[in-house]
Amino acid sequence: MVNIRVREGESIEEAIRRFKRECERNGIMQEIKKREYYKSPSVLRKERNAETKRKIRRKMLKDSRWMKQ
């Protein structure tokens, strides 16, 4: 839980900005977006496999570019 105390003489806008920054640092928004919709385990598995394939493909592409130079 993120707690922000409004400082003396601080505007509400500045306090809101600090609050948003703290939420970003703690990964709260990412967690909310992740839990917004239910995904079945099979869908999660497919997404994980696709991400792994993308990473491998990028690494191979990067390595092949490096080898050409």
C-alpha atoms as a PDB file:
ATOM      1  CA  MET A   1       0.000   0.000   0.000  1.00  0.00           C
ATOM      2  CA  VAL A   2       1.330   3.394  -0.964  1.00  0.00           C
ATOM      3  CA  ASN A   3       1.015   6.190   1.558  1.00  0.00           C
ATOM      4  CA  ILE A   4       1.676   9.794   0.625  1.00  0.00           C
ATOM      5  CA  ARG A   5       1.513  12.611   3.124  1.00  0.00           C
ATOM      6  CA  VAL A   6       0.796  16.019   1.676  1.00  0.00           C
ATOM      7  CA  ARG A   7       3.611  18.314   2.701  1.00  0.00           C
ATOM      8  CA  GLU A   8       2.994  21.758   4.081  1.00  0.00           C
ATOM      9  CA  GLY A   9       2.554  24.220   1.236  1.00  0.00           C
ATOM     10  CA  GLU A  10       2.399  21.422  -1.373  1.00  0.00           C
ATOM     11  CA  SER A  11      -0.330  21.579  -3.971  1.00  0.00           C
ATOM     12  CA  ILE A  12      -2.675  18.656  -4.552  1.00  0.00           C
ATOM     13  CA  GLU A  13      -1.311  18.245  -8.096  1.00  0.00           C
ATOM     14  CA  GLU A  14       2.224  17.741  -6.774  1.00  0.00           C
ATOM     15  CA  ALA A  15       0.993  15.214  -4.208  1.00  0.00           C
ATOM     16  CA  ILE A  16      -0.900  13.307  -6.903  1.00  0.00           C
ATOM     17  CA  ARG A  17       2.237  13.248  -9.064  1.00  0.00           C
ATOM     18  CA  ARG A  18       4.256  11.831  -6.160  1.00  0.00           C
ATOM     19  CA  PHE A  19       1.528   9.246  -5.544  1.00  0.00           C
ATOM     20  CA  LYS A  20       1.526   8.144  -9.190  1.00  0.00           C
ATOM     21  CA  ARG A  21       5.321   7.906  -9.177  1.00  0.00           C
ATOM     22  CA  GLU A  22       5.247   5.697  -6.074  1.00  0.00           C
ATOM     23  CA  CYS A  23       2.591   3.483  -7.659  1.00  0.00           C
ATOM     24  CA  GLU A  24       4.806   3.060 -10.721  1.00  0.00           C
ATOM     25  CA  ARG A  25       7.839   2.196  -8.586  1.00  0.00           C
ATOM     26  CA  ASN A  26       5.874  -0.442  -6.672  1.00  0.00           C
ATOM     27  CA  GLY A  27       4.395  -1.988  -9.841  1.00  0.00           C
ATOM     28  CA  ILE A  28       0.805  -1.480  -8.707  1.00  0.00           C
ATOM     29  CA  MET A  29      -0.503  -0.414 -12.116  1.00  0.00           C
ATOM     30  CA  GLN A  30       1.082  -3.415 -13.835  1.00  0.00           C
ATOM     31  CA  GLU A  31      -0.496  -5.720 -11.261  1.00  0.00           C
ATOM     32  CA  ILE A  32      -3.922  -4.138 -11.772  1.00  0.00           C
ATOM     33  CA  LYS A  33      -3.678  -4.503 -15.546  1.00  0.00           C
ATOM     34  CA  LYS A  34      -2.522  -8.101 -15.171  1.00  0.00           C
ATOM     35  CA  ARG A  35      -5.506  -8.983 -12.982  1.00  0.00           C
ATOM     36  CA  GLU A  36      -8.091  -7.017 -14.947  1.00  0.00           C
ATOM     37  CA  TYR A  37      -9.217 -10.058 -16.929  1.00  0.00           C
ATOM     38  CA  TYR A  38      -9.033 -13.754 -16.127  1.00  0.00           C
ATOM     39  CA  LYS A  39      -6.790 -15.780 -18.400  1.00  0.00           C
ATOM     40  CA  SER A  40      -7.001 -19.530 -18.383  1.00  0.00           C
ATOM     41  CA  PRO A  41      -3.822 -21.496 -17.668  1.00  0.00           C
ATOM     42  CA  SER A  42      -3.632 -22.678 -21.283  1.00  0.00           C
ATOM     43  CA  VAL A  43      -3.672 -19.076 -22.549  1.00  0.00           C
ATOM     44  CA  LEU A  44      -0.970 -18.093 -20.054  1.00  0.00           C
ATOM     45  CA  ARG A  45       1.140 -21.045 -21.199  1.00  0.00           C
ATOM     46  CA  LYS A  46       0.759 -20.064 -24.861  1.00  0.00           C
ATOM     47  CA  GLU A  47       1.712 -16.454 -24.102  1.00  0.00           C
ATOM     48  CA  ARG A  48       4.761 -17.581 -22.124  1.00  0.00           C
ATOM     49  CA  ASN A  49       5.858 -19.875 -24.963  1.00  0.00           C
ATOM     50  CA  ALA A  50       5.390 -17.112 -27.525  1.00  0.00           C
ATOM     51  CA  GLU A  51       7.454 -14.709 -25.409  1.00  0.00           C
ATOM     52  CA  THR A  52      10.219 -17.291 -25.074  1.00  0.00           C
ATOM     53  CA  LYS A  53      10.261 -17.830 -28.848  1.00  0.00           C
ATOM     54  CA  ARG A  54      10.431 -14.054 -29.423  1.00  0.00           C
ATOM     55  CA  LYS A  55      13.387 -13.732 -27.042  1.00  0.00           C
ATOM     56  CA  ILE A  56      15.231 -16.587 -28.746  1.00  0.00           C
ATOM     57  CA  ARG A  57      14.540 -15.117 -32.181  1.00  0.00           C
ATOM     58  CA  ARG A  58      15.785 -11.667 -31.092  1.00  0.00           C
ATOM     59  CA  LYS A  59      18.935 -13.166 -29.589  1.00  0.00           C
ATOM     60  CA  MET A  60      19.665 -15.139 -32.746  1.00  0.00           C
ATOM     61  CA  LEU A  61      19.058 -12.076 -34.908  1.00  0.00           C
ATOM     62  CA  LYS A  62      21.310  -9.958 -32.691  1.00  0.00           C
ATOM     63  CA  ASP A  63      24.038 -12.613 -32.758  1.00  0.00           C
ATOM     64  CA  SER A  64      23.858 -12.985 -36.539  1.00  0.00           C
ATOM     65  CA  ARG A  65      24.184  -9.208 -36.978  1.00  0.00           C
ATOM     66  CA  TRP A  66      27.159  -9.171 -34.661  1.00  0.00           C
ATOM     67  CA  MET A  67      28.804 -12.034 -36.554  1.00  0.00           C
ATOM     68  CA  LYS A  68      28.496 -10.194 -39.905  1.00  0.00           C
ATOM     69  CA  GLN A  69      30.465  -7.196 -38.681  1.00  0.00           C
END
